[in-house]
Amino acid sequence: MNEITMQTQADQPKVSSNLAILSEARLVDSIQMGREKIYRIAPEKFEDMVDWLDSILHSKSSGGSANYGLSPVNDLNYARTCYDHLAGEMGVYLLEELLKRKWIILDDPEKPTYRLTTAGAEELTVRGVSLPPRANGKRMFAYGCKDWTVKRFHLGGFLGSSILKVLEARGYVERIEGSRILKVKIELSKFFG
């Protein structure tokens, strides 16, 4: 909170009060680290609004139909970015496949957060996914981000971002310019072998 106070140049009691309101509304999450409380925006709460606005803007800018002749809503439902990770049906598939193969396991069902297994680290490394050398307090490693279209979780955090980078680099998905929609060019099941 000290950093927030310094960045905003607001009084500490005002920052505390506003963070309490945001926490109660579940727009921010926090973890206690010693005497310091670390806050982060809860991305899943903002995704509905951002995706809804994106679909409206994309629909208007493309005359009512998205690139590749597909409807913007269907494209958003199938595959899109959520911040810097894969969302939509393909994002949910990715998370469920990682869990099914036990490459990641549920660490904290309350949040939910996930932990990488030894087998998962080996398999993902072989596929070119960048893994952090150690835990990094700046960003959550892997968490369930509630998908507004499928109403289930997709994979967020450092791991979700790293996997999307590999999928893009290897041509599995391609970003549609001016949109968060992703065109799936190679079935994601092939990523798993």
N, C-alpha and C. Protein backbone atom coordinates (compact mmCIF):
# COMPACT_ATOMS: atom_id res chain seq x y z
N MET A 1 0.82 -1.18 0.00
CA MET A 1 0.00 0.00 0.00
C MET A 1 0.87 1.25 0.00
N ASN A 2 2.06 1.16 0.59
CA ASN A 2 2.94 2.32 0.60
C ASN A 2 3.25 2.78 -0.82
N GLU A 3 3.45 1.83 -1.71
CA GLU A 3 3.75 2.18 -3.10
C GLU A 3 2.57 2.88 -3.75
N ILE A 4 1.36 2.40 -3.48
CA ILE A 4 0.15 3.04 -4.03
C ILE A 4 0.04 4.47 -3.51
N THR A 5 0.29 4.64 -2.23
CA THR A 5 0.23 5.97 -1.62
C THR A 5 1.25 6.91 -2.28
N MET A 6 2.46 6.41 -2.50
CA MET A 6 3.49 7.23 -3.14
C MET A 6 3.12 7.55 -4.59
N GLN A 7 2.64 6.55 -5.34
CA GLN A 7 2.32 6.75 -6.75
C GLN A 7 1.15 7.72 -6.94
N THR A 8 0.15 7.62 -6.08
CA THR A 8 -1.04 8.46 -6.23
C THR A 8 -0.92 9.78 -5.48
N GLN A 9 0.04 9.87 -4.58
CA GLN A 9 0.24 11.04 -3.72
C GLN A 9 -1.02 11.35 -2.91
N ALA A 10 -1.74 10.28 -2.57
CA ALA A 10 -2.96 10.40 -1.75
C ALA A 10 -2.62 10.05 -0.31
N ASP A 11 -3.44 10.53 0.60
CA ASP A 11 -3.24 10.22 2.02
C ASP A 11 -3.45 8.74 2.25
N GLN A 12 -2.65 8.16 3.17
CA GLN A 12 -2.73 6.74 3.46
C GLN A 12 -4.12 6.31 3.92
N PRO A 13 -4.82 7.07 4.79
CA PRO A 13 -6.17 6.65 5.19
C PRO A 13 -7.15 6.59 4.01
N LYS A 14 -7.00 7.53 3.08
CA LYS A 14 -7.89 7.54 1.90
C LYS A 14 -7.60 6.33 1.02
N VAL A 15 -6.33 6.00 0.82
CA VAL A 15 -5.95 4.83 0.03
C VAL A 15 -6.49 3.57 0.69
N SER A 16 -6.32 3.46 2.01
CA SER A 16 -6.83 2.29 2.76
C SER A 16 -8.33 2.14 2.60
N SER A 17 -9.03 3.24 2.72
CA SER A 17 -10.49 3.23 2.61
C SER A 17 -10.94 2.79 1.21
N ASN A 18 -10.30 3.35 0.19
CA ASN A 18 -10.66 2.97 -1.18
C ASN A 18 -10.32 1.52 -1.49
N LEU A 19 -9.18 1.04 -1.01
CA LEU A 19 -8.80 -0.36 -1.23
C LEU A 19 -9.76 -1.31 -0.51
N ALA A 20 -10.24 -0.89 0.68
CA ALA A 20 -11.22 -1.71 1.40
C ALA A 20 -12.51 -1.84 0.60
N ILE A 21 -12.95 -0.73 -0.02
CA ILE A 21 -14.16 -0.75 -0.85
C ILE A 21 -13.96 -1.65 -2.06
N LEU A 22 -12.82 -1.52 -2.73
CA LEU A 22 -12.52 -2.34 -3.90
C LEU A 22 -12.40 -3.82 -3.53
N SER A 23 -11.83 -4.09 -2.36
CA SER A 23 -11.71 -5.49 -1.88
C SER A 23 -13.08 -6.07 -1.60
N GLU A 24 -13.92 -5.29 -0.94
CA GLU A 24 -15.26 -5.77 -0.62
C GLU A 24 -16.06 -6.07 -1.89
N ALA A 25 -15.86 -5.27 -2.92
CA ALA A 25 -16.52 -5.49 -4.20
C ALA A 25 -15.81 -6.57 -5.01
N ARG A 26 -14.72 -7.10 -4.48
CA ARG A 26 -13.90 -8.14 -5.13
C ARG A 26 -13.31 -7.69 -6.46
N LEU A 27 -13.02 -6.39 -6.56
CA LEU A 27 -12.37 -5.85 -7.74
C LEU A 27 -10.86 -5.91 -7.61
N VAL A 28 -10.38 -6.05 -6.36
CA VAL A 28 -8.96 -6.27 -6.11
C VAL A 28 -8.80 -7.43 -5.15
N ASP A 29 -7.69 -8.14 -5.28
CA ASP A 29 -7.31 -9.21 -4.36
C ASP A 29 -6.12 -8.70 -3.57
N SER A 30 -5.87 -9.30 -2.43
CA SER A 30 -4.68 -8.92 -1.66
C SER A 30 -4.09 -10.15 -0.99
N ILE A 31 -2.78 -10.08 -0.77
CA ILE A 31 -2.09 -11.10 0.02
C ILE A 31 -1.20 -10.38 1.02
N GLN A 32 -1.05 -10.96 2.17
CA GLN A 32 -0.21 -10.39 3.23
C GLN A 32 1.21 -10.92 3.06
N MET A 33 2.18 -10.02 2.99
CA MET A 33 3.59 -10.40 2.90
C MET A 33 4.32 -9.63 4.01
N GLY A 34 4.48 -10.31 5.13
CA GLY A 34 5.08 -9.64 6.29
C GLY A 34 4.14 -8.57 6.79
N ARG A 35 4.67 -7.36 6.94
CA ARG A 35 3.83 -6.24 7.39
C ARG A 35 3.13 -5.54 6.24
N GLU A 36 3.49 -5.89 5.04
CA GLU A 36 2.95 -5.23 3.84
C GLU A 36 1.82 -6.06 3.24
N LYS A 37 0.79 -5.40 2.75
CA LYS A 37 -0.30 -6.06 2.05
C LYS A 37 -0.15 -5.71 0.57
N ILE A 38 -0.11 -6.75 -0.28
CA ILE A 38 0.07 -6.57 -1.71
C ILE A 38 -1.29 -6.70 -2.38
N TYR A 39 -1.65 -5.70 -3.20
CA TYR A 39 -2.93 -5.69 -3.90
C TYR A 39 -2.71 -5.91 -5.39
N ARG A 40 -3.70 -6.54 -6.03
CA ARG A 40 -3.70 -6.67 -7.48
C ARG A 40 -5.14 -6.57 -7.96
N ILE A 41 -5.29 -6.06 -9.17
CA ILE A 41 -6.62 -5.99 -9.77
C ILE A 41 -7.06 -7.41 -10.07
N ALA A 42 -8.31 -7.72 -9.80
CA ALA A 42 -8.88 -9.04 -10.10
C ALA A 42 -9.38 -9.01 -11.55
N PRO A 43 -8.56 -9.50 -12.50
CA PRO A 43 -8.89 -9.32 -13.92
C PRO A 43 -10.22 -9.93 -14.34
N GLU A 44 -10.60 -11.02 -13.71
CA GLU A 44 -11.85 -11.68 -14.10
C GLU A 44 -13.06 -10.78 -13.91
N LYS A 45 -13.00 -9.83 -12.98
CA LYS A 45 -14.13 -8.93 -12.74
C LYS A 45 -14.27 -7.89 -13.85
N PHE A 46 -13.18 -7.55 -14.49
CA PHE A 46 -13.21 -6.54 -15.53
C PHE A 46 -13.39 -7.14 -16.92
N GLU A 47 -13.18 -8.44 -17.04
CA GLU A 47 -13.21 -9.07 -18.36
C GLU A 47 -14.57 -8.94 -19.03
N ASP A 48 -15.66 -9.15 -18.28
CA ASP A 48 -16.99 -9.03 -18.88
C ASP A 48 -17.17 -7.68 -19.55
N MET A 49 -16.85 -6.63 -18.81
CA MET A 49 -17.05 -5.29 -19.32
C MET A 49 -16.14 -5.01 -20.53
N VAL A 50 -14.88 -5.39 -20.44
CA VAL A 50 -13.94 -5.13 -21.53
C VAL A 50 -14.34 -5.92 -22.78
N ASP A 51 -14.70 -7.18 -22.63
CA ASP A 51 -15.10 -7.98 -23.79
C ASP A 51 -16.39 -7.46 -24.41
N TRP A 52 -17.32 -7.04 -23.59
CA TRP A 52 -18.58 -6.50 -24.09
C TRP A 52 -18.31 -5.23 -24.90
N LEU A 53 -17.50 -4.34 -24.36
CA LEU A 53 -17.15 -3.11 -25.09
C LEU A 53 -16.39 -3.43 -26.37
N ASP A 54 -15.47 -4.40 -26.28
CA ASP A 54 -14.70 -4.79 -27.46
C ASP A 54 -15.61 -5.32 -28.56
N SER A 55 -16.59 -6.14 -28.19
CA SER A 55 -17.49 -6.70 -29.21
C SER A 55 -18.33 -5.61 -29.85
N ILE A 56 -18.74 -4.62 -29.07
CA ILE A 56 -19.52 -3.51 -29.63
C ILE A 56 -18.66 -2.69 -30.58
N LEU A 57 -17.46 -2.33 -30.14
CA LEU A 57 -16.57 -1.54 -30.98
C LEU A 57 -16.19 -2.28 -32.24
N HIS A 58 -15.88 -3.57 -32.10
CA HIS A 58 -15.46 -4.37 -33.27
C HIS A 58 -16.62 -4.51 -34.25
N SER A 59 -17.81 -4.71 -33.73
CA SER A 59 -18.98 -4.86 -34.57
C SER A 59 -19.24 -3.59 -35.37
N LYS A 60 -19.13 -2.43 -34.73
CA LYS A 60 -19.37 -1.16 -35.42
C LYS A 60 -18.29 -0.87 -36.43
N SER A 61 -17.03 -1.15 -36.09
CA SER A 61 -15.93 -0.83 -37.00
C SER A 61 -15.88 -1.75 -38.21
N SER A 62 -16.48 -2.92 -38.12
CA SER A 62 -16.43 -3.85 -39.25
C SER A 62 -17.76 -3.95 -39.98
N GLY A 63 -18.67 -2.99 -39.70
CA GLY A 63 -19.96 -2.99 -40.38
C GLY A 63 -20.85 -4.14 -39.95
N GLY A 64 -20.66 -4.65 -38.75
CA GLY A 64 -21.52 -5.69 -38.21
C GLY A 64 -20.98 -7.09 -38.34
N SER A 65 -19.87 -7.27 -39.06
CA SER A 65 -19.31 -8.62 -39.13
C SER A 65 -17.80 -8.54 -38.96
N ALA A 66 -17.26 -9.45 -38.24
CA ALA A 66 -15.83 -9.47 -37.95
C ALA A 66 -15.04 -9.95 -39.16
N ASN A 67 -13.72 -9.83 -39.09
CA ASN A 67 -12.85 -10.37 -40.13
C ASN A 67 -13.11 -11.87 -40.28
N TYR A 68 -12.78 -12.41 -41.42
CA TYR A 68 -12.94 -13.82 -41.74
C TYR A 68 -14.42 -14.24 -41.82
N GLY A 69 -15.33 -13.26 -41.90
CA GLY A 69 -16.74 -13.55 -42.10
C GLY A 69 -17.45 -14.18 -40.92
N LEU A 70 -16.89 -14.10 -39.74
CA LEU A 70 -17.52 -14.68 -38.56
C LEU A 70 -18.11 -13.58 -37.69
N SER A 71 -19.12 -13.90 -36.90
CA SER A 71 -19.72 -12.89 -36.04
C SER A 71 -18.78 -12.56 -34.89
N PRO A 72 -18.69 -11.27 -34.48
CA PRO A 72 -17.77 -10.88 -33.40
C PRO A 72 -18.02 -11.64 -32.11
N VAL A 73 -19.30 -11.85 -31.77
CA VAL A 73 -19.59 -12.54 -30.52
C VAL A 73 -19.11 -13.98 -30.58
N ASN A 74 -19.35 -14.68 -31.69
CA ASN A 74 -18.90 -16.06 -31.81
C ASN A 74 -17.38 -16.14 -31.79
N ASP A 75 -16.71 -15.20 -32.44
CA ASP A 75 -15.26 -15.19 -32.42
C ASP A 75 -14.76 -15.00 -30.99
N LEU A 76 -15.35 -14.04 -30.27
CA LEU A 76 -14.96 -13.77 -28.89
C LEU A 76 -15.20 -14.99 -28.02
N ASN A 77 -16.28 -15.71 -28.28
CA ASN A 77 -16.60 -16.90 -27.49
C ASN A 77 -15.59 -18.01 -27.73
N TYR A 78 -15.12 -18.14 -28.95
CA TYR A 78 -14.26 -19.26 -29.30
C TYR A 78 -12.82 -19.05 -28.84
N ALA A 79 -12.19 -17.96 -29.23
CA ALA A 79 -10.80 -17.71 -28.86
C ALA A 79 -10.52 -16.21 -28.90
N ARG A 80 -9.97 -15.70 -27.81
CA ARG A 80 -9.63 -14.29 -27.71
C ARG A 80 -8.55 -14.13 -26.66
N THR A 81 -8.01 -12.95 -26.57
CA THR A 81 -7.09 -12.66 -25.49
C THR A 81 -7.87 -12.08 -24.32
N CYS A 82 -7.40 -12.35 -23.15
CA CYS A 82 -7.87 -11.73 -21.91
C CYS A 82 -6.60 -11.19 -21.29
N TYR A 83 -6.42 -9.90 -21.37
CA TYR A 83 -5.14 -9.28 -21.03
C TYR A 83 -4.08 -9.92 -21.91
N ASP A 84 -3.22 -10.75 -21.36
CA ASP A 84 -2.15 -11.35 -22.19
C ASP A 84 -2.22 -12.87 -22.21
N HIS A 85 -3.40 -13.44 -21.95
CA HIS A 85 -3.53 -14.89 -21.99
C HIS A 85 -4.75 -15.30 -22.82
N LEU A 86 -4.84 -16.58 -23.13
CA LEU A 86 -5.88 -17.14 -23.98
C LEU A 86 -7.18 -17.32 -23.22
N ALA A 87 -8.29 -16.87 -23.83
CA ALA A 87 -9.61 -16.98 -23.20
C ALA A 87 -10.60 -17.56 -24.19
N GLY A 88 -11.85 -17.66 -23.77
CA GLY A 88 -12.90 -18.25 -24.59
C GLY A 88 -12.86 -19.77 -24.47
N GLU A 89 -13.56 -20.44 -25.39
CA GLU A 89 -13.61 -21.90 -25.34
C GLU A 89 -12.21 -22.52 -25.39
N MET A 90 -11.33 -21.94 -26.20
CA MET A 90 -9.97 -22.49 -26.32
C MET A 90 -9.16 -22.26 -25.04
N GLY A 91 -9.38 -21.16 -24.34
CA GLY A 91 -8.70 -20.90 -23.08
C GLY A 91 -9.14 -21.88 -21.99
N VAL A 92 -10.44 -22.17 -21.96
CA VAL A 92 -10.97 -23.15 -21.01
C VAL A 92 -10.43 -24.54 -21.33
N TYR A 93 -10.40 -24.88 -22.63
CA TYR A 93 -9.85 -26.16 -23.05
C TYR A 93 -8.40 -26.30 -22.59
N LEU A 94 -7.60 -25.25 -22.78
CA LEU A 94 -6.19 -25.27 -22.40
C LEU A 94 -6.04 -25.58 -20.91
N LEU A 95 -6.76 -24.87 -20.06
CA LEU A 95 -6.66 -25.10 -18.61
C LEU A 95 -7.10 -26.51 -18.26
N GLU A 96 -8.21 -26.95 -18.81
CA GLU A 96 -8.72 -28.29 -18.47
C GLU A 96 -7.77 -29.38 -18.94
N GLU A 97 -7.13 -29.18 -20.07
CA GLU A 97 -6.17 -30.18 -20.58
C GLU A 97 -4.92 -30.22 -19.70
N LEU A 98 -4.44 -29.06 -19.27
CA LEU A 98 -3.28 -29.03 -18.37
C LEU A 98 -3.59 -29.75 -17.06
N LEU A 99 -4.80 -29.57 -16.54
CA LEU A 99 -5.21 -30.25 -15.30
C LEU A 99 -5.38 -31.75 -15.53
N LYS A 100 -6.02 -32.11 -16.65
CA LYS A 100 -6.26 -33.53 -16.96
C LYS A 100 -4.93 -34.29 -17.08
N ARG A 101 -3.95 -33.67 -17.68
CA ARG A 101 -2.65 -34.31 -17.86
C ARG A 101 -1.77 -34.21 -16.62
N LYS A 102 -2.27 -33.49 -15.61
CA LYS A 102 -1.55 -33.28 -14.34
C LYS A 102 -0.23 -32.53 -14.55
N TRP A 103 -0.24 -31.61 -15.51
CA TRP A 103 0.92 -30.74 -15.72
C TRP A 103 0.86 -29.58 -14.73
N ILE A 104 -0.36 -29.26 -14.30
CA ILE A 104 -0.57 -28.33 -13.20
C ILE A 104 -1.60 -28.97 -12.27
N ILE A 105 -1.56 -28.57 -11.01
CA ILE A 105 -2.54 -29.06 -10.04
C ILE A 105 -3.10 -27.87 -9.27
N LEU A 106 -4.30 -28.05 -8.76
CA LEU A 106 -4.95 -27.00 -7.98
C LEU A 106 -4.19 -26.79 -6.68
N ASP A 107 -3.81 -25.56 -6.44
CA ASP A 107 -3.05 -25.22 -5.25
C ASP A 107 -3.96 -24.63 -4.18
N ASP A 108 -4.83 -23.72 -4.57
CA ASP A 108 -5.74 -23.05 -3.64
C ASP A 108 -7.11 -22.93 -4.30
N PRO A 109 -8.08 -23.77 -3.89
CA PRO A 109 -9.39 -23.75 -4.53
C PRO A 109 -10.18 -22.46 -4.27
N GLU A 110 -9.83 -21.72 -3.24
CA GLU A 110 -10.53 -20.48 -2.93
C GLU A 110 -10.33 -19.43 -4.01
N LYS A 111 -9.12 -19.35 -4.59
CA LYS A 111 -8.80 -18.24 -5.51
C LYS A 111 -9.26 -18.50 -6.93
N PRO A 112 -9.15 -19.54 -7.66
CA PRO A 112 -8.26 -20.69 -7.55
C PRO A 112 -6.88 -20.37 -8.16
N THR A 113 -5.87 -20.98 -7.58
CA THR A 113 -4.52 -20.87 -8.13
C THR A 113 -3.98 -22.27 -8.39
N TYR A 114 -2.99 -22.35 -9.29
CA TYR A 114 -2.46 -23.63 -9.71
C TYR A 114 -0.95 -23.67 -9.53
N ARG A 115 -0.45 -24.89 -9.35
CA ARG A 115 0.98 -25.12 -9.17
C ARG A 115 1.45 -26.06 -10.27
N LEU A 116 2.64 -25.80 -10.79
CA LEU A 116 3.24 -26.61 -11.84
C LEU A 116 3.80 -27.89 -11.24
N THR A 117 3.58 -29.01 -11.91
CA THR A 117 4.16 -30.27 -11.45
C THR A 117 5.50 -30.47 -12.16
N THR A 118 6.29 -31.42 -11.69
CA THR A 118 7.57 -31.72 -12.33
C THR A 118 7.35 -32.16 -13.77
N ALA A 119 6.36 -33.04 -13.99
CA ALA A 119 6.05 -33.50 -15.35
C ALA A 119 5.60 -32.32 -16.21
N GLY A 120 4.81 -31.43 -15.64
CA GLY A 120 4.35 -30.25 -16.38
C GLY A 120 5.50 -29.35 -16.78
N ALA A 121 6.44 -29.14 -15.86
CA ALA A 121 7.60 -28.29 -16.16
C ALA A 121 8.40 -28.90 -17.31
N GLU A 122 8.59 -30.21 -17.27
CA GLU A 122 9.34 -30.88 -18.34
C GLU A 122 8.62 -30.77 -19.68
N GLU A 123 7.33 -31.08 -19.69
CA GLU A 123 6.54 -31.08 -20.93
C GLU A 123 6.44 -29.67 -21.53
N LEU A 124 6.20 -28.68 -20.69
CA LEU A 124 6.06 -27.32 -21.20
C LEU A 124 7.39 -26.76 -21.68
N THR A 125 8.47 -27.11 -21.00
CA THR A 125 9.80 -26.67 -21.43
C THR A 125 10.13 -27.24 -22.80
N VAL A 126 9.82 -28.51 -23.02
CA VAL A 126 10.04 -29.15 -24.32
C VAL A 126 9.27 -28.41 -25.42
N ARG A 127 8.12 -27.87 -25.09
CA ARG A 127 7.28 -27.17 -26.06
C ARG A 127 7.67 -25.69 -26.19
N GLY A 128 8.72 -25.28 -25.49
CA GLY A 128 9.23 -23.91 -25.63
C GLY A 128 8.59 -22.88 -24.74
N VAL A 129 7.82 -23.33 -23.74
CA VAL A 129 7.17 -22.40 -22.84
C VAL A 129 8.18 -21.91 -21.81
N SER A 130 8.26 -20.59 -21.67
CA SER A 130 9.18 -19.98 -20.72
C SER A 130 8.62 -20.10 -19.31
N LEU A 131 9.41 -20.63 -18.40
CA LEU A 131 8.99 -20.77 -17.01
C LEU A 131 9.92 -19.93 -16.14
N PRO A 132 9.38 -19.29 -15.11
CA PRO A 132 10.25 -18.47 -14.26
C PRO A 132 11.22 -19.35 -13.48
N PRO A 133 12.45 -18.87 -13.24
CA PRO A 133 13.42 -19.67 -12.51
C PRO A 133 13.01 -19.92 -11.06
N ARG A 134 12.22 -19.01 -10.50
CA ARG A 134 11.73 -19.16 -9.12
C ARG A 134 10.46 -18.35 -8.97
N ALA A 135 9.80 -18.49 -7.84
CA ALA A 135 8.56 -17.74 -7.60
C ALA A 135 8.85 -16.25 -7.67
N ASN A 136 7.96 -15.54 -8.32
CA ASN A 136 8.09 -14.10 -8.47
C ASN A 136 6.89 -13.44 -7.82
N GLY A 137 7.11 -12.63 -6.79
CA GLY A 137 6.02 -12.00 -6.06
C GLY A 137 5.29 -10.93 -6.83
N LYS A 138 5.82 -10.53 -8.01
CA LYS A 138 5.20 -9.46 -8.77
C LYS A 138 3.97 -9.92 -9.54
N ARG A 139 3.93 -11.18 -9.92
CA ARG A 139 2.81 -11.68 -10.72
C ARG A 139 2.47 -13.09 -10.30
N MET A 140 1.17 -13.37 -10.23
CA MET A 140 0.74 -14.73 -9.91
C MET A 140 1.19 -15.67 -11.01
N PHE A 141 1.63 -16.86 -10.63
CA PHE A 141 2.14 -17.82 -11.62
C PHE A 141 1.01 -18.35 -12.49
N ALA A 142 -0.04 -18.90 -11.87
CA ALA A 142 -1.15 -19.46 -12.63
C ALA A 142 -2.41 -19.39 -11.78
N TYR A 143 -3.46 -18.85 -12.36
CA TYR A 143 -4.72 -18.75 -11.63
C TYR A 143 -5.88 -18.95 -12.59
N GLY A 144 -7.03 -19.30 -12.03
CA GLY A 144 -8.23 -19.45 -12.82
C GLY A 144 -8.89 -18.10 -13.01
N CYS A 145 -9.01 -17.68 -14.24
CA CYS A 145 -9.64 -16.41 -14.60
C CYS A 145 -11.03 -16.77 -15.14
N LYS A 146 -12.07 -16.28 -14.50
CA LYS A 146 -13.44 -16.66 -14.87
C LYS A 146 -13.76 -16.18 -16.27
N ASP A 147 -14.11 -17.11 -17.14
CA ASP A 147 -14.42 -16.78 -18.52
C ASP A 147 -15.88 -16.39 -18.64
N TRP A 148 -16.14 -15.20 -19.12
CA TRP A 148 -17.51 -14.68 -19.16
C TRP A 148 -18.37 -15.38 -20.20
N THR A 149 -17.77 -15.96 -21.24
CA THR A 149 -18.57 -16.60 -22.28
C THR A 149 -18.88 -18.05 -21.94
N VAL A 150 -17.92 -18.76 -21.40
CA VAL A 150 -18.09 -20.19 -21.14
C VAL A 150 -18.55 -20.45 -19.70
N LYS A 151 -18.38 -19.45 -18.85
CA LYS A 151 -18.77 -19.54 -17.43
C LYS A 151 -17.96 -20.60 -16.68
N ARG A 152 -16.71 -20.79 -17.13
CA ARG A 152 -15.76 -21.64 -16.43
C ARG A 152 -14.43 -20.90 -16.44
N PHE A 153 -13.42 -21.46 -15.81
CA PHE A 153 -12.14 -20.78 -15.73
C PHE A 153 -11.26 -21.07 -16.93
N HIS A 154 -10.51 -20.05 -17.35
CA HIS A 154 -9.40 -20.24 -18.28
C HIS A 154 -8.13 -19.89 -17.51
N LEU A 155 -6.97 -20.16 -18.09
CA LEU A 155 -5.70 -20.01 -17.39
C LEU A 155 -5.14 -18.59 -17.51
N GLY A 156 -4.99 -17.93 -16.37
CA GLY A 156 -4.40 -16.60 -16.32
C GLY A 156 -3.04 -16.64 -15.66
N GLY A 157 -2.41 -15.50 -15.57
CA GLY A 157 -1.12 -15.39 -14.90
C GLY A 157 0.06 -15.58 -15.82
N PHE A 158 1.24 -15.70 -15.22
CA PHE A 158 2.49 -15.84 -15.96
C PHE A 158 2.44 -17.03 -16.92
N LEU A 159 1.94 -18.18 -16.44
CA LEU A 159 1.91 -19.38 -17.26
C LEU A 159 0.97 -19.21 -18.46
N GLY A 160 -0.20 -18.66 -18.23
CA GLY A 160 -1.14 -18.43 -19.33
C GLY A 160 -0.55 -17.53 -20.40
N SER A 161 0.15 -16.48 -19.97
CA SER A 161 0.80 -15.56 -20.89
C SER A 161 1.91 -16.25 -21.68
N SER A 162 2.73 -17.04 -20.99
CA SER A 162 3.84 -17.74 -21.65
C SER A 162 3.35 -18.74 -22.69
N ILE A 163 2.28 -19.45 -22.37
CA ILE A 163 1.74 -20.43 -23.32
C ILE A 163 1.17 -19.72 -24.54
N LEU A 164 0.45 -18.60 -24.35
CA LEU A 164 -0.09 -17.88 -25.50
C LEU A 164 1.03 -17.38 -26.41
N LYS A 165 2.13 -16.93 -25.84
CA LYS A 165 3.27 -16.47 -26.66
C LYS A 165 3.78 -17.60 -27.56
N VAL A 166 3.87 -18.80 -27.00
CA VAL A 166 4.33 -19.95 -27.78
C VAL A 166 3.31 -20.30 -28.87
N LEU A 167 2.03 -20.29 -28.52
CA LEU A 167 0.99 -20.61 -29.50
C LEU A 167 1.02 -19.63 -30.67
N GLU A 168 1.26 -18.36 -30.37
CA GLU A 168 1.36 -17.36 -31.44
C GLU A 168 2.63 -17.56 -32.27
N ALA A 169 3.75 -17.75 -31.60
CA ALA A 169 5.03 -17.91 -32.30
C ALA A 169 5.04 -19.13 -33.21
N ARG A 170 4.34 -20.18 -32.82
CA ARG A 170 4.33 -21.42 -33.62
C ARG A 170 3.16 -21.49 -34.60
N GLY A 171 2.38 -20.42 -34.67
CA GLY A 171 1.31 -20.35 -35.66
C GLY A 171 0.03 -21.08 -35.31
N TYR A 172 -0.15 -21.45 -34.04
CA TYR A 172 -1.41 -22.09 -33.63
C TYR A 172 -2.54 -21.08 -33.67
N VAL A 173 -2.26 -19.87 -33.22
CA VAL A 173 -3.27 -18.81 -33.21
C VAL A 173 -2.68 -17.56 -33.84
N GLU A 174 -3.57 -16.73 -34.35
CA GLU A 174 -3.16 -15.47 -34.98
C GLU A 174 -4.11 -14.38 -34.50
N ARG A 175 -3.55 -13.26 -34.11
CA ARG A 175 -4.38 -12.14 -33.67
C ARG A 175 -5.04 -11.49 -34.88
N ILE A 176 -6.31 -11.12 -34.71
CA ILE A 176 -7.01 -10.37 -35.74
C ILE A 176 -6.80 -8.89 -35.40
N GLU A 177 -6.23 -8.17 -36.33
CA GLU A 177 -5.84 -6.78 -36.11
C GLU A 177 -7.02 -5.94 -35.62
N GLY A 178 -6.74 -5.11 -34.60
CA GLY A 178 -7.74 -4.21 -34.06
C GLY A 178 -8.76 -4.88 -33.16
N SER A 179 -8.46 -6.09 -32.73
CA SER A 179 -9.42 -6.85 -31.93
C SER A 179 -8.68 -7.74 -30.94
N ARG A 180 -9.41 -8.27 -29.98
CA ARG A 180 -8.85 -9.26 -29.06
C ARG A 180 -9.13 -10.68 -29.55
N ILE A 181 -9.82 -10.79 -30.67
CA ILE A 181 -10.17 -12.09 -31.24
C ILE A 181 -8.93 -12.78 -31.78
N LEU A 182 -8.84 -14.09 -31.55
CA LEU A 182 -7.76 -14.91 -32.09
C LEU A 182 -8.33 -15.90 -33.09
N LYS A 183 -7.68 -16.03 -34.22
CA LYS A 183 -8.06 -17.05 -35.20
C LYS A 183 -7.22 -18.28 -34.89
N VAL A 184 -7.87 -19.41 -34.65
CA VAL A 184 -7.17 -20.66 -34.37
C VAL A 184 -6.85 -21.30 -35.71
N LYS A 185 -5.55 -21.45 -35.99
CA LYS A 185 -5.11 -21.98 -37.28
C LYS A 185 -4.71 -23.45 -37.19
N ILE A 186 -4.28 -23.90 -36.01
CA ILE A 186 -3.92 -25.30 -35.77
C ILE A 186 -4.64 -25.72 -34.49
N GLU A 187 -5.27 -26.88 -34.52
CA GLU A 187 -5.98 -27.37 -33.34
C GLU A 187 -5.05 -27.39 -32.12
N LEU A 188 -5.54 -26.86 -31.00
CA LEU A 188 -4.71 -26.81 -29.79
C LEU A 188 -4.37 -28.18 -29.25
N SER A 189 -5.16 -29.20 -29.61
CA SER A 189 -4.84 -30.56 -29.16
C SER A 189 -3.46 -30.99 -29.67
N LYS A 190 -3.02 -30.45 -30.81
CA LYS A 190 -1.71 -30.80 -31.37
C LYS A 190 -0.58 -30.23 -30.51
N PHE A 191 -0.84 -29.16 -29.76
CA PHE A 191 0.16 -28.60 -28.85
C PHE A 191 0.54 -29.63 -27.79
N PHE A 192 -0.44 -30.44 -27.38
CA PHE A 192 -0.21 -31.44 -26.34
C PHE A 192 0.39 -32.73 -26.89
N GLY A 193 0.35 -32.87 -28.21
CA GLY A 193 0.96 -34.06 -28.83
C GLY A 193 0.08 -35.20 -28.80
